[in-house]
PDB file of N, CA and C in Angstrom:
ATOM      1  N   MET A   1      98.504 134.055  35.286  1.00  0.00           N
ATOM      2  CA  MET A   1      97.185 133.490  35.132  1.00  0.00           C
ATOM      3  C   MET A   1      97.171 132.013  35.530  1.00  0.00           C
ATOM      4  N   SER A   2      98.241 131.324  35.288  1.00  0.00           N
ATOM      5  CA  SER A   2      98.299 129.918  35.660  1.00  0.00           C
ATOM      6  C   SER A   2      98.292 129.754  37.181  1.00  0.00           C
ATOM      7  N   GLU A   3      98.839 130.736  37.897  1.00  0.00           N
ATOM      8  CA  GLU A   3      98.824 130.690  39.359  1.00  0.00           C
ATOM      9  C   GLU A   3      97.403 130.780  39.897  1.00  0.00           C
ATOM     10  N   GLU A   4      96.577 131.598  39.240  1.00  0.00           N
ATOM     11  CA  GLU A   4      95.180 131.733  39.665  1.00  0.00           C
ATOM     12  C   GLU A   4      94.431 130.417  39.477  1.00  0.00           C
ATOM     13  N   LYS A   5      94.694 129.745  38.354  1.00  0.00           N
ATOM     14  CA  LYS A   5      94.029 128.467  38.096  1.00  0.00           C
ATOM     15  C   LYS A   5      94.440 127.421  39.122  1.00  0.00           C
ATOM     16  N   LYS A   6      95.732 127.420  39.470  1.00  0.00           N
ATOM     17  CA  LYS A   6      96.213 126.475  40.472  1.00  0.00           C
ATOM     18  C   LYS A   6      95.553 126.729  41.823  1.00  0.00           C
ATOM     19  N   ALA A   7      95.393 128.005  42.180  1.00  0.00           N
ATOM     20  CA  ALA A   7      94.748 128.352  43.448  1.00  0.00           C
ATOM     21  C   ALA A   7      93.295 127.905  43.449  1.00  0.00           C
ATOM     22  N   GLU A   8      92.606 128.081  42.307  1.00  0.00           N
ATOM     23  CA  GLU A   8      91.206 127.655  42.207  1.00  0.00           C
ATOM     24  C   GLU A   8      91.088 126.134  42.326  1.00  0.00           C
ATOM     25  N   GLN A   9      92.019 125.415  41.706  1.00  0.00           N
ATOM     26  CA  GLN A   9      91.988 123.958  41.771  1.00  0.00           C
ATOM     27  C   GLN A   9      92.220 123.469  43.195  1.00  0.00           C
ATOM     28  N   LYS A  10      93.111 124.138  43.933  1.00  0.00           N
ATOM     29  CA  LYS A  10      93.350 123.765  45.326  1.00  0.00           C
ATOM     30  C   LYS A  10      92.100 123.979  46.158  1.00  0.00           C
ATOM     31  N   ASP A  11      91.398 125.105  45.914  1.00  0.00           N
ATOM     32  CA  ASP A  11      90.167 125.384  46.648  1.00  0.00           C
ATOM     33  C   ASP A  11      89.120 124.314  46.372  1.00  0.00           C
ATOM     34  N   LYS A  12      89.012 123.879  45.115  1.00  0.00           N
ATOM     35  CA  LYS A  12      88.038 122.849  44.763  1.00  0.00           C
ATOM     36  C   LYS A  12      88.382 121.521  45.434  1.00  0.00           C
ATOM     37  N   LYS A  13      89.675 121.184  45.456  1.00  0.00           N
ATOM     38  CA  LYS A  13      90.094 119.927  46.080  1.00  0.00           C
ATOM     39  C   LYS A  13      89.789 119.918  47.570  1.00  0.00           C
ATOM     40  N   THR A  14      90.053 121.032  48.248  1.00  0.00           N
ATOM     41  CA  THR A  14      89.798 121.074  49.690  1.00  0.00           C
ATOM     42  C   THR A  14      88.308 121.058  49.985  1.00  0.00           C
ATOM     43  N   ALA A  15      87.492 121.601  49.089  1.00  0.00           N
ATOM     44  CA  ALA A  15      86.045 121.595  49.298  1.00  0.00           C
ATOM     45  C   ALA A  15      85.472 120.192  49.109  1.00  0.00           C
ATOM     46  N   ASP A  16      86.073 119.404  48.205  1.00  0.00           N
ATOM     47  CA  ASP A  16      85.569 118.061  47.935  1.00  0.00           C
ATOM     48  C   ASP A  16      85.953 117.059  49.014  1.00  0.00           C
ATOM     49  N   GLU A  17      87.078 117.258  49.687  1.00  0.00           N
ATOM     50  CA  GLU A  17      87.541 116.310  50.690  1.00  0.00           C
ATOM     51  C   GLU A  17      86.678 116.377  51.945  1.00  0.00           C
ATOM     52  N   PRO A  18      86.376 115.232  52.547  1.00  0.00           N
ATOM     53  CA  PRO A  18      85.598 115.264  53.787  1.00  0.00           C
ATOM     54  C   PRO A  18      86.412 115.884  54.919  1.00  0.00           C
ATOM     55  N   LYS A  19      85.714 116.599  55.782  1.00  0.00           N
ATOM     56  CA  LYS A  19      86.393 117.273  56.883  1.00  0.00           C
ATOM     57  C   LYS A  19      86.744 116.252  57.963  1.00  0.00           C
ATOM     58  N   GLN A  20      87.996 116.256  58.409  1.00  0.00           N
ATOM     59  CA  GLN A  20      88.449 115.333  59.441  1.00  0.00           C
ATOM     60  C   GLN A  20      87.967 115.815  60.804  1.00  0.00           C
ATOM     61  N   ARG A  21      87.340 114.920  61.546  1.00  0.00           N
ATOM     62  CA  ARG A  21      86.898 115.262  62.899  1.00  0.00           C
ATOM     63  C   ARG A  21      88.031 115.028  63.872  1.00  0.00           C
ATOM     64  N   VAL A  22      88.045 115.836  64.895  1.00  0.00           N
ATOM     65  CA  VAL A  22      89.034 115.657  65.949  1.00  0.00           C
ATOM     66  C   VAL A  22      88.389 114.806  67.035  1.00  0.00           C
ATOM     67  N   ILE A  23      88.970 113.635  67.286  1.00  0.00           N
ATOM     68  CA  ILE A  23      88.449 112.734  68.310  1.00  0.00           C
ATOM     69  C   ILE A  23      89.265 112.955  69.571  1.00  0.00           C
ATOM     70  N   PRO A  24      88.612 113.333  70.674  1.00  0.00           N
ATOM     71  CA  PRO A  24      89.385 113.565  71.901  1.00  0.00           C
ATOM     72  C   PRO A  24      89.978 112.262  72.441  1.00  0.00           C
ATOM     73  N   ASP A  25      90.964 112.394  73.309  1.00  0.00           N
ATOM     74  CA  ASP A  25      91.610 111.232  73.917  1.00  0.00           C
ATOM     75  C   ASP A  25      90.682 110.691  75.000  1.00  0.00           C
ATOM     76  N   ILE A  26      89.963 109.626  74.690  1.00  0.00           N
ATOM     77  CA  ILE A  26      88.958 109.059  75.589  1.00  0.00           C
ATOM     78  C   ILE A  26      89.561 107.865  76.307  1.00  0.00           C
ATOM     79  N   LYS A  27      89.329 107.802  77.626  1.00  0.00           N
ATOM     80  CA  LYS A  27      89.847 106.711  78.450  1.00  0.00           C
ATOM     81  C   LYS A  27      88.709 106.117  79.274  1.00  0.00           C
ATOM     82  N   PRO A  28      88.823 104.847  79.679  1.00  0.00           N
ATOM     83  CA  PRO A  28      87.818 104.267  80.565  1.00  0.00           C
ATOM     84  C   PRO A  28      87.754 105.044  81.876  1.00  0.00           C
ATOM     85  N   GLY A  29      86.542 105.222  82.384  1.00  0.00           N
ATOM     86  CA  GLY A  29      86.341 105.985  83.612  1.00  0.00           C
ATOM     87  C   GLY A  29      85.876 107.400  83.342  1.00  0.00           C
ATOM     88  N   MET A  30      85.954 107.836  82.098  1.00  0.00           N
ATOM     89  CA  MET A  30      85.495 109.182  81.760  1.00  0.00           C
ATOM     90  C   MET A  30      83.983 109.190  81.603  1.00  0.00           C
ATOM     91  N   THR A  31      83.369 110.259  82.085  1.00  0.00           N
ATOM     92  CA  THR A  31      81.957 110.483  81.820  1.00  0.00           C
ATOM     93  C   THR A  31      81.891 111.360  80.585  1.00  0.00           C
ATOM     94  N   VAL A  32      81.256 110.855  79.529  1.00  0.00           N
ATOM     95  CA  VAL A  32      81.218 111.565  78.256  1.00  0.00           C
ATOM     96  C   VAL A  32      79.778 111.788  77.817  1.00  0.00           C
ATOM     97  N   ARG A  33      79.614 112.753  76.937  1.00  0.00           N
ATOM     98  CA  ARG A  33      78.320 113.021  76.306  1.00  0.00           C
ATOM     99  C   ARG A  33      78.549 112.910  74.801  1.00  0.00           C
ATOM    100  N   VAL A  34      77.919 111.914  74.175  1.00  0.00           N
ATOM    101  CA  VAL A  34      78.080 111.659  72.742  1.00  0.00           C
ATOM    102  C   VAL A  34      76.861 112.225  72.026  1.00  0.00           C
ATOM    103  N   HIS A  35      77.084 113.198  71.132  1.00  0.00           N
ATOM    104  CA  HIS A  35      76.012 113.811  70.347  1.00  0.00           C
ATOM    105  C   HIS A  35      75.910 113.066  69.021  1.00  0.00           C
ATOM    106  N   GLN A  36      74.683 112.637  68.680  1.00  0.00           N
ATOM    107  CA  GLN A  36      74.479 111.827  67.489  1.00  0.00           C
ATOM    108  C   GLN A  36      73.281 112.354  66.707  1.00  0.00           C
ATOM    109  N   LYS A  37      73.409 112.412  65.368  1.00  0.00           N
ATOM    110  CA  LYS A  37      72.306 112.835  64.509  1.00  0.00           C
ATOM    111  C   LYS A  37      71.319 111.683  64.375  1.00  0.00           C
ATOM    112  N   ILE A  38      70.041 112.000  64.539  1.00  0.00           N
ATOM    113  CA  ILE A  38      68.977 111.004  64.403  1.00  0.00           C
ATOM    114  C   ILE A  38      68.028 111.489  63.311  1.00  0.00           C
ATOM    115  N   LYS A  39      67.719 110.622  62.348  1.00  0.00           N
ATOM    116  CA  LYS A  39      66.756 110.969  61.302  1.00  0.00           C
ATOM    117  C   LYS A  39      65.438 110.287  61.626  1.00  0.00           C
ATOM    118  N   GLU A  40      64.356 111.065  61.553  1.00  0.00           N
ATOM    119  CA  GLU A  40      63.025 110.545  61.868  1.00  0.00           C
ATOM    120  C   GLU A  40      62.056 110.931  60.762  1.00  0.00           C
ATOM    121  N   LEU A  41      60.978 110.188  60.668  1.00  0.00           N
ATOM    122  CA  LEU A  41      59.886 110.537  59.769  1.00  0.00           C
ATOM    123  C   LEU A  41      58.719 111.036  60.609  1.00  0.00           C
ATOM    124  N   ASN A  42      58.219 112.222  60.274  1.00  0.00           N
ATOM    125  CA  ASN A  42      57.054 112.726  60.994  1.00  0.00           C
ATOM    126  C   ASN A  42      55.790 112.148  60.353  1.00  0.00           C
ATOM    127  N   PRO A  43      54.614 112.361  60.957  1.00  0.00           N
ATOM    128  CA  PRO A  43      53.383 111.764  60.408  1.00  0.00           C
ATOM    129  C   PRO A  43      53.081 112.163  58.961  1.00  0.00           C
ATOM    130  N   LYS A  44      53.589 113.311  58.512  1.00  0.00           N
ATOM    131  CA  LYS A  44      53.356 113.747  57.132  1.00  0.00           C
ATOM    132  C   LYS A  44      54.259 113.018  56.144  1.00  0.00           C
ATOM    133  N   GLY A  45      55.231 112.295  56.655  1.00  0.00           N
ATOM    134  CA  GLY A  45      56.150 111.571  55.793  1.00  0.00           C
ATOM    135  C   GLY A  45      57.419 112.336  55.481  1.00  0.00           C
ATOM    136  N   GLU A  46      57.582 113.495  56.100  1.00  0.00           N
ATOM    137  CA  GLU A  46      58.786 114.292  55.879  1.00  0.00           C
ATOM    138  C   GLU A  46      59.905 113.796  56.788  1.00  0.00           C
ATOM    139  N   GLU A  47      61.115 113.874  56.279  1.00  0.00           N
ATOM    140  CA  GLU A  47      62.266 113.433  57.061  1.00  0.00           C
ATOM    141  C   GLU A  47      62.777 114.602  57.898  1.00  0.00           C
ATOM    142  N   LYS A  48      62.954 114.339  59.181  1.00  0.00           N
ATOM    143  CA  LYS A  48      63.396 115.373  60.114  1.00  0.00           C
ATOM    144  C   LYS A  48      64.685 114.895  60.770  1.00  0.00           C
ATOM    145  N   GLU A  49      65.620 115.809  60.974  1.00  0.00           N
ATOM    146  CA  GLU A  49      66.898 115.455  61.584  1.00  0.00           C
ATOM    147  C   GLU A  49      67.072 116.242  62.876  1.00  0.00           C
ATOM    148  N   ARG A  50      67.498 115.539  63.915  1.00  0.00           N
ATOM    149  CA  ARG A  50      67.755 116.202  65.192  1.00  0.00           C
ATOM    150  C   ARG A  50      68.998 115.579  65.807  1.00  0.00           C
ATOM    151  N   ILE A  51      69.508 116.244  66.849  1.00  0.00           N
ATOM    152  CA  ILE A  51      70.690 115.734  67.536  1.00  0.00           C
ATOM    153  C   ILE A  51      70.276 115.230  68.910  1.00  0.00           C
ATOM    154  N   GLN A  52      70.635 113.995  69.208  1.00  0.00           N
ATOM    155  CA  GLN A  52      70.324 113.369  70.485  1.00  0.00           C
ATOM    156  C   GLN A  52      71.645 113.035  71.164  1.00  0.00           C
ATOM    157  N   TYR A  53      71.712 113.233  72.473  1.00  0.00           N
ATOM    158  CA  TYR A  53      72.956 112.896  73.163  1.00  0.00           C
ATOM    159  C   TYR A  53      72.733 111.755  74.138  1.00  0.00           C
ATOM    160  N   PHE A  54      73.815 111.022  74.376  1.00  0.00           N
ATOM    161  CA  PHE A  54      73.825 109.889  75.297  1.00  0.00           C
ATOM    162  C   PHE A  54      74.968 110.145  76.256  1.00  0.00           C
ATOM    163  N   GLU A  55      74.640 110.322  77.534  1.00  0.00           N
ATOM    164  CA  GLU A  55      75.659 110.639  78.529  1.00  0.00           C
ATOM    165  C   GLU A  55      75.834 109.467  79.474  1.00  0.00           C
ATOM    166  N   GLY A  56      77.071 109.049  79.662  1.00  0.00           N
ATOM    167  CA  GLY A  56      77.361 107.946  80.560  1.00  0.00           C
ATOM    168  C   GLY A  56      78.858 107.769  80.724  1.00  0.00           C
ATOM    169  N   MET A  57      79.230 106.685  81.407  1.00  0.00           N
ATOM    170  CA  MET A  57      80.641 106.418  81.680  1.00  0.00           C
ATOM    171  C   MET A  57      81.200 105.445  80.647  1.00  0.00           C
ATOM    172  N   VAL A  58      82.399 105.729  80.182  1.00  0.00           N
ATOM    173  CA  VAL A  58      83.092 104.837  79.252  1.00  0.00           C
ATOM    174  C   VAL A  58      83.591 103.643  80.057  1.00  0.00           C
ATOM    175  N   ILE A  59      83.102 102.438  79.714  1.00  0.00           N
ATOM    176  CA  ILE A  59      83.547 101.247  80.439  1.00  0.00           C
ATOM    177  C   ILE A  59      84.533 100.428  79.622  1.00  0.00           C
ATOM    178  N   ALA A  60      84.632 100.697  78.313  1.00  0.00           N
ATOM    179  CA  ALA A  60      85.590  99.971  77.482  1.00  0.00           C
ATOM    180  C   ALA A  60      85.942 100.805  76.260  1.00  0.00           C
ATOM    181  N   LYS A  61      87.175 100.639  75.829  1.00  0.00           N
ATOM    182  CA  LYS A  61      87.653 101.279  74.609  1.00  0.00           C
ATOM    183  C   LYS A  61      88.363 100.206  73.808  1.00  0.00           C
ATOM    184  N   LYS A  62      88.013 100.080  72.529  1.00  0.00           N
ATOM    185  CA  LYS A  62      88.607  99.034  71.697  1.00  0.00           C
ATOM    186  C   LYS A  62      89.252  99.632  70.454  1.00  0.00           C
ATOM    187  N   HIS A  63      90.452  99.221  70.148  1.00  0.00           N
ATOM    188  CA  HIS A  63      91.205  99.572  68.944  1.00  0.00           C
ATOM    189  C   HIS A  63      91.580 101.044  68.848  1.00  0.00           C
ATOM    190  N   GLY A  64      91.607 101.759  69.940  1.00  0.00           N
ATOM    191  CA  GLY A  64      92.106 103.136  69.958  1.00  0.00           C
ATOM    192  C   GLY A  64      91.414 104.045  68.965  1.00  0.00           C
ATOM    193  N   LYS A  65      92.228 104.835  68.232  1.00  0.00           N
ATOM    194  CA  LYS A  65      91.679 105.767  67.244  1.00  0.00           C
ATOM    195  C   LYS A  65      91.765 105.211  65.829  1.00  0.00           C
ATOM    196  N   GLN A  66      91.929 103.918  65.690  1.00  0.00           N
ATOM    197  CA  GLN A  66      92.012 103.302  64.369  1.00  0.00           C
ATOM    198  C   GLN A  66      90.659 103.360  63.678  1.00  0.00           C
ATOM    199  N   ALA A  67      90.607 102.865  62.453  1.00  0.00           N
ATOM    200  CA  ALA A  67      89.374 102.901  61.675  1.00  0.00           C
ATOM    201  C   ALA A  67      88.259 102.103  62.351  1.00  0.00           C
ATOM    202  N   GLY A  68      88.593 101.023  63.041  1.00  0.00           N
ATOM    203  CA  GLY A  68      87.579 100.198  63.692  1.00  0.00           C
ATOM    204  C   GLY A  68      87.428 100.481  65.169  1.00  0.00           C
ATOM    205  N   GLY A  69      87.917 101.608  65.644  1.00  0.00           N
ATOM    206  CA  GLY A  69      87.875 101.935  67.067  1.00  0.00           C
ATOM    207  C   GLY A  69      86.460 102.177  67.563  1.00  0.00           C
ATOM    208  N   ALA A  70      86.196 101.775  68.805  1.00  0.00           N
ATOM    209  CA  ALA A  70      84.863 101.945  69.375  1.00  0.00           C
ATOM    210  C   ALA A  70      84.965 102.137  70.882  1.00  0.00           C
ATOM    211  N   ILE A  71      83.950 102.795  71.445  1.00  0.00           N
ATOM    212  CA  ILE A  71      83.854 102.935  72.896  1.00  0.00           C
ATOM    213  C   ILE A  71      82.502 102.392  73.337  1.00  0.00           C
ATOM    214  N   THR A  72      82.464 101.837  74.538  1.00  0.00           N
ATOM    215  CA  THR A  72      81.218 101.373  75.136  1.00  0.00           C
ATOM    216  C   THR A  72      80.877 102.327  76.263  1.00  0.00           C
ATOM    217  N   VAL A  73      79.693 102.933  76.178  1.00  0.00           N
ATOM    218  CA  VAL A  73      79.243 103.920  77.164  1.00  0.00           C
ATOM    219  C   VAL A  73      78.056 103.326  77.907  1.00  0.00           C
ATOM    220  N   ARG A  74      78.073 103.425  79.249  1.00  0.00           N
ATOM    221  CA  ARG A  74      77.020 102.855  80.087  1.00  0.00           C
ATOM    222  C   ARG A  74      76.423 103.927  80.969  1.00  0.00           C
ATOM    223  N   LYS A  75      75.089 103.896  81.082  1.00  0.00           N
ATOM    224  CA  LYS A  75      74.390 104.769  82.024  1.00  0.00           C
ATOM    225  C   LYS A  75      73.250 103.982  82.640  1.00  0.00           C
ATOM    226  N   VAL A  76      72.747 104.481  83.759  1.00  0.00           N
ATOM    227  CA  VAL A  76      71.597 103.866  84.412  1.00  0.00           C
ATOM    228  C   VAL A  76      70.423 104.808  84.215  1.00  0.00           C
ATOM    229  N   SER A  77      69.389 104.319  83.539  1.00  0.00           N
ATOM    230  CA  SER A  77      68.211 105.121  83.237  1.00  0.00           C
ATOM    231  C   SER A  77      66.992 104.458  83.870  1.00  0.00           C
ATOM    232  N   ASP A  78      66.359 105.128  84.809  1.00  0.00           N
ATOM    233  CA  ASP A  78      65.183 104.609  85.527  1.00  0.00           C
ATOM    234  C   ASP A  78      65.468 103.253  86.167  1.00  0.00           C
ATOM    235  N   GLY A  79      66.649 103.094  86.722  1.00  0.00           N
ATOM    236  CA  GLY A  79      67.012 101.867  87.408  1.00  0.00           C
ATOM    237  C   GLY A  79      67.448 100.734  86.500  1.00  0.00           C
ATOM    238  N   VAL A  80      67.514 100.987  85.199  1.00  0.00           N
ATOM    239  CA  VAL A  80      67.906  99.964  84.238  1.00  0.00           C
ATOM    240  C   VAL A  80      69.215 100.398  83.592  1.00  0.00           C
ATOM    241  N   GLY A  81      70.192  99.503  83.570  1.00  0.00           N
ATOM    242  CA  GLY A  81      71.469  99.813  82.934  1.00  0.00           C
ATOM    243  C   GLY A  81      71.349  99.764  81.423  1.00  0.00           C
ATOM    244  N   VAL A  82      71.833 100.812  80.762  1.00  0.00           N
ATOM    245  CA  VAL A  82      71.776 100.899  79.303  1.00  0.00           C
ATOM    246  C   VAL A  82      73.201 101.084  78.792  1.00  0.00           C
ATOM    247  N   GLU A  83      73.589 100.267  77.816  1.00  0.00           N
ATOM    248  CA  GLU A  83      74.915 100.374  77.213  1.00  0.00           C
ATOM    249  C   GLU A  83      74.772 100.601  75.724  1.00  0.00           C
ATOM    250  N   LYS A  84      75.636 101.454  75.197  1.00  0.00           N
ATOM    251  CA  LYS A  84      75.669 101.694  73.761  1.00  0.00           C
ATOM    252  C   LYS A  84      77.111 101.609  73.301  1.00  0.00           C
ATOM    253  N   ILE A  85      77.322 100.977  72.172  1.00  0.00           N
ATOM    254  CA  ILE A  85      78.651 100.889  71.580  1.00  0.00           C
ATOM    255  C   ILE A  85      78.697 101.878  70.417  1.00  0.00           C
ATOM    256  N   PHE A  86      79.623 102.833  70.503  1.00  0.00           N
ATOM    257  CA  PHE A  86      79.764 103.858  69.478  1.00  0.00           C
ATOM    258  C   PHE A  86      81.061 103.645  68.706  1.00  0.00           C
ATOM    259  N   PRO A  87      80.989 103.331  67.396  1.00  0.00           N
ATOM    260  CA  PRO A  87      82.207 103.372  66.591  1.00  0.00           C
ATOM    261  C   PRO A  87      82.681 104.826  66.510  1.00  0.00           C
ATOM    262  N   LEU A  88      83.960 105.074  66.721  1.00  0.00           N
ATOM    263  CA  LEU A  88      84.454 106.447  66.782  1.00  0.00           C
ATOM    264  C   LEU A  88      84.378 107.161  65.441  1.00  0.00           C
ATOM    265  N   ASN A  89      84.437 106.428  64.335  1.00  0.00           N
ATOM    266  CA  ASN A  89      84.395 107.054  63.017  1.00  0.00           C
ATOM    267  C   ASN A  89      82.998 107.049  62.408  1.00  0.00           C
ATOM    268  N   LEU A  90      81.973 106.900  63.227  1.00  0.00           N
ATOM    269  CA  LEU A  90      80.599 106.911  62.752  1.00  0.00           C
ATOM    270  C   LEU A  90      80.247 108.311  62.252  1.00  0.00           C
ATOM    271  N   PRO A  91      79.756 108.452  61.013  1.00  0.00           N
ATOM    272  CA  PRO A  91      79.489 109.798  60.494  1.00  0.00           C
ATOM    273  C   PRO A  91      78.341 110.520  61.195  1.00  0.00           C
ATOM    274  N   THR A  92      77.467 109.795  61.885  1.00  0.00           N
ATOM    275  CA  THR A  92      76.353 110.461  62.564  1.00  0.00           C
ATOM    276  C   THR A  92      76.753 111.081  63.895  1.00  0.00           C
ATOM    277  N   ILE A  93      77.933 110.755  64.420  1.00  0.00           N
ATOM    278  CA  ILE A  93      78.394 111.371  65.666  1.00  0.00           C
ATOM    279  C   ILE A  93      78.926 112.758  65.337  1.00  0.00           C
ATOM    280  N   THR A  94      78.296 113.784  65.940  1.00  0.00           N
ATOM    281  CA  THR A  94      78.725 115.152  65.657  1.00  0.00           C
ATOM    282  C   THR A  94      79.853 115.583  66.577  1.00  0.00           C
ATOM    283  N   LYS A  95      79.761 115.250  67.863  1.00  0.00           N
ATOM    284  CA  LYS A  95      80.859 115.581  68.774  1.00  0.00           C
ATOM    285  C   LYS A  95      80.787 114.712  70.019  1.00  0.00           C
ATOM    286  N   ILE A  96      81.916 114.653  70.716  1.00  0.00           N
ATOM    287  CA  ILE A  96      82.021 113.911  71.968  1.00  0.00           C
ATOM    288  C   ILE A  96      82.572 114.872  73.009  1.00  0.00           C
ATOM    289  N   GLU A  97      81.780 115.116  74.048  1.00  0.00           N
ATOM    290  CA  GLU A  97      82.200 116.009  75.133  1.00  0.00           C
ATOM    291  C   GLU A  97      82.673 115.172  76.315  1.00  0.00           C
ATOM    292  N   ILE A  98      83.754 115.599  76.940  1.00  0.00           N
ATOM    293  CA  ILE A  98      84.241 114.939  78.146  1.00  0.00           C
ATOM    294  C   ILE A  98      83.767 115.755  79.337  1.00  0.00           C
ATOM    295  N   LYS A  99      82.999 115.123  80.231  1.00  0.00           N
ATOM    296  CA  LYS A  99      82.449 115.815  81.394  1.00  0.00           C
ATOM    297  C   LYS A  99      83.319 115.641  82.633  1.00  0.00           C
ATOM    298  N   LYS A 100      83.652 114.390  82.970  1.00  0.00           N
ATOM    299  CA  LYS A 100      84.423 114.090  84.184  1.00  0.00           C
ATOM    300  C   LYS A 100      85.410 112.973  83.901  1.00  0.00           C
ATOM    301  N   GLN A 101      86.374 112.843  84.788  1.00  0.00           N
ATOM    302  CA  GLN A 101      87.333 111.742  84.717  1.00  0.00           C
ATOM    303  C   GLN A 101      87.419 111.113  86.096  1.00  0.00           C
ATOM    304  N   ALA A 102      87.219 109.799  86.171  1.00  0.00           N
ATOM    305  CA  ALA A 102      87.340 109.074  87.435  1.00  0.00           C
ATOM    306  C   ALA A 102      88.654 108.310  87.433  1.00  0.00           C
ATOM    307  N   LYS A 103      89.219 108.133  88.609  1.00  0.00           N
ATOM    308  CA  LYS A 103      90.464 107.385  88.739  1.00  0.00           C
ATOM    309  C   LYS A 103      90.123 105.899  88.754  1.00  0.00           C
ATOM    310  N   VAL A 104      90.624 105.168  87.773  1.00  0.00           N
ATOM    311  CA  VAL A 104      90.365 103.733  87.667  1.00  0.00           C
ATOM    312  C   VAL A 104      91.690 103.003  87.477  1.00  0.00           C
ATOM    313  N   CYS A 105      91.696 101.731  87.845  1.00  0.00           N
ATOM    314  CA  CYS A 105      92.914 100.921  87.750  1.00  0.00           C
ATOM    315  C   CYS A 105      92.767  99.789  86.741  1.00  0.00           C
ATOM    316  N   ARG A 106      91.759  99.841  85.897  1.00  0.00           N
ATOM    317  CA  ARG A 106      91.518  98.791  84.915  1.00  0.00           C
ATOM    318  C   ARG A 106      91.278  99.423  83.545  1.00  0.00           C
ATOM    319  N   ALA A 107      91.543  98.645  82.499  1.00  0.00           N
ATOM    320  CA  ALA A 107      91.272  99.107  81.143  1.00  0.00           C
ATOM    321  C   ALA A 107      89.820  98.851  80.762  1.00  0.00           C
ATOM    322  N   LYS A 108      89.222  97.829  81.344  1.00  0.00           N
ATOM    323  CA  LYS A 108      87.818  97.499  81.091  1.00  0.00           C
ATOM    324  C   LYS A 108      87.084  97.525  82.419  1.00  0.00           C
ATOM    325  N   LEU A 109      86.017  98.286  82.500  1.00  0.00           N
ATOM    326  CA  LEU A 109      85.298  98.472  83.766  1.00  0.00           C
ATOM    327  C   LEU A 109      84.021  97.636  83.805  1.00  0.00           C
ATOM    328  N   TYR A 110      84.117  96.379  83.401  1.00  0.00           N
ATOM    329  CA  TYR A 110      82.942  95.516  83.370  1.00  0.00           C
ATOM    330  C   TYR A 110      82.422  95.213  84.769  1.00  0.00           C
ATOM    331  N   TYR A 111      83.235  95.403  85.792  1.00  0.00           N
ATOM    332  CA  TYR A 111      82.785  95.144  87.160  1.00  0.00           C
ATOM    333  C   TYR A 111      81.701  96.136  87.588  1.00  0.00           C
ATOM    334  N   LEU A 112      81.554  97.246  86.901  1.00  0.00           N
ATOM    335  CA  LEU A 112      80.483  98.192  87.235  1.00  0.00           C
ATOM    336  C   LEU A 112      79.112  97.642  86.849  1.00  0.00           C
ATOM    337  N   LYS A 113      79.066  96.691  85.916  1.00  0.00           N
ATOM    338  CA  LYS A 113      77.799  96.078  85.506  1.00  0.00           C
ATOM    339  C   LYS A 113      77.188  95.239  86.618  1.00  0.00           C
ATOM    340  N   ARG A 114      78.028  94.590  87.416  1.00  0.00           N
ATOM    341  CA  ARG A 114      77.551  93.620  88.402  1.00  0.00           C
ATOM    342  C   ARG A 114      77.089  94.267  89.694  1.00  0.00           C
ATOM    343  N   GLY A 115      76.925  95.561  89.715  1.00  0.00           N
ATOM    344  CA  GLY A 115      76.415  96.214  90.911  1.00  0.00           C
ATOM    345  C   GLY A 115      77.482  96.600  91.895  1.00  0.00           C
ATOM    346  N   TYR A 116      78.722  96.618  91.455  1.00  0.00           N
ATOM    347  CA  TYR A 116      79.814  97.048  92.326  1.00  0.00           C
ATOM    348  C   TYR A 116      79.683  98.554  92.494  1.00  0.00           C
ATOM    349  N   LYS A 117      79.226  98.979  93.651  1.00  0.00           N
ATOM    350  CA  LYS A 117      78.834 100.368  93.848  1.00  0.00           C
ATOM    351  C   LYS A 117      79.906 101.226  94.504  1.00  0.00           C
ATOM    352  N   LYS A 118      81.155 100.807  94.383  1.00  0.00           N
ATOM    353  CA  LYS A 118      82.221 101.607  94.978  1.00  0.00           C
ATOM    354  C   LYS A 118      82.251 102.980  94.309  1.00  0.00           C
ATOM    355  N   LYS A 119      82.392 103.996  95.123  1.00  0.00           N
ATOM    356  CA  LYS A 119      82.456 105.352  94.599  1.00  0.00           C
ATOM    357  C   LYS A 119      83.814 105.561  93.940  1.00  0.00           C
ATOM    358  N   LEU A 120      83.809 105.877  92.669  1.00  0.00           N
ATOM    359  CA  LEU A 120      85.052 106.145  91.964  1.00  0.00           C
ATOM    360  C   LEU A 120      85.482 107.575  92.250  1.00  0.00           C
ATOM    361  N   LYS A 121      86.755 107.756  92.541  1.00  0.00           N
ATOM    362  CA  LYS A 121      87.254 109.091  92.849  1.00  0.00           C
ATOM    363  C   LYS A 121      87.395 109.899  91.567  1.00  0.00           C
ATOM    364  N   GLU A 122      86.932 111.137  91.632  1.00  0.00           N
ATOM    365  CA  GLU A 122      86.991 112.005  90.465  1.00  0.00           C
ATOM    366  C   GLU A 122      88.354 112.683  90.374  1.00  0.00           C
ATOM    367  N   VAL A 123      88.853 112.760  89.155  1.00  0.00           N
ATOM    368  CA  VAL A 123      90.119 113.427  88.869  1.00  0.00           C
ATOM    369  C   VAL A 123      89.793 114.572  87.920  1.00  0.00           C
ATOM    370  N   LYS A 124      90.505 115.682  88.025  1.00  0.00           N
ATOM    371  CA  LYS A 124      90.253 116.797  87.116  1.00  0.00           C
ATOM    372  C   LYS A 124      90.608 116.394  85.694  1.00  0.00           C
ATOM    373  N   ALA A 125      89.668 116.634  84.767  1.00  0.00           N
ATOM    374  CA  ALA A 125      89.915 116.332  83.362  1.00  0.00           C
ATOM    375  C   ALA A 125      90.771 117.433  82.759  1.00  0.00           C
ATOM    376  N   ALA A 126      91.717 117.025  81.935  1.00  0.00           N
ATOM    377  CA  ALA A 126      92.631 118.005  81.332  1.00  0.00           C
ATOM    378  C   ALA A 126      91.979 118.715  80.178  1.00  0.00           C
TER     379      ALA A 126
END
């Protein structure tokens, strides 16, 4: 009977612990799609939750997979460059999809901001 109680306690402990997300190995030059939960209020005053994605190229990665790790994703929308900084451990991020990998020779791709339009060669993503 004590074994049953121990098994029940283990089940309760695992249910209480937050689920660890798997963060893929993200590198500069990758085209990624970041899915994020957005909470909105409709005209009736009810709270609505939806998932919005932001797709663009990773131009910088800071602090790896540590607690303070973040990636900077850039895309061009209607001729205007848009950048978003995503902390990797943000609870509203549901998943990160890797779409493409470009061959780059720098850790920070800030030169893409200045209109450097060189075509980056695509590499097969693993």
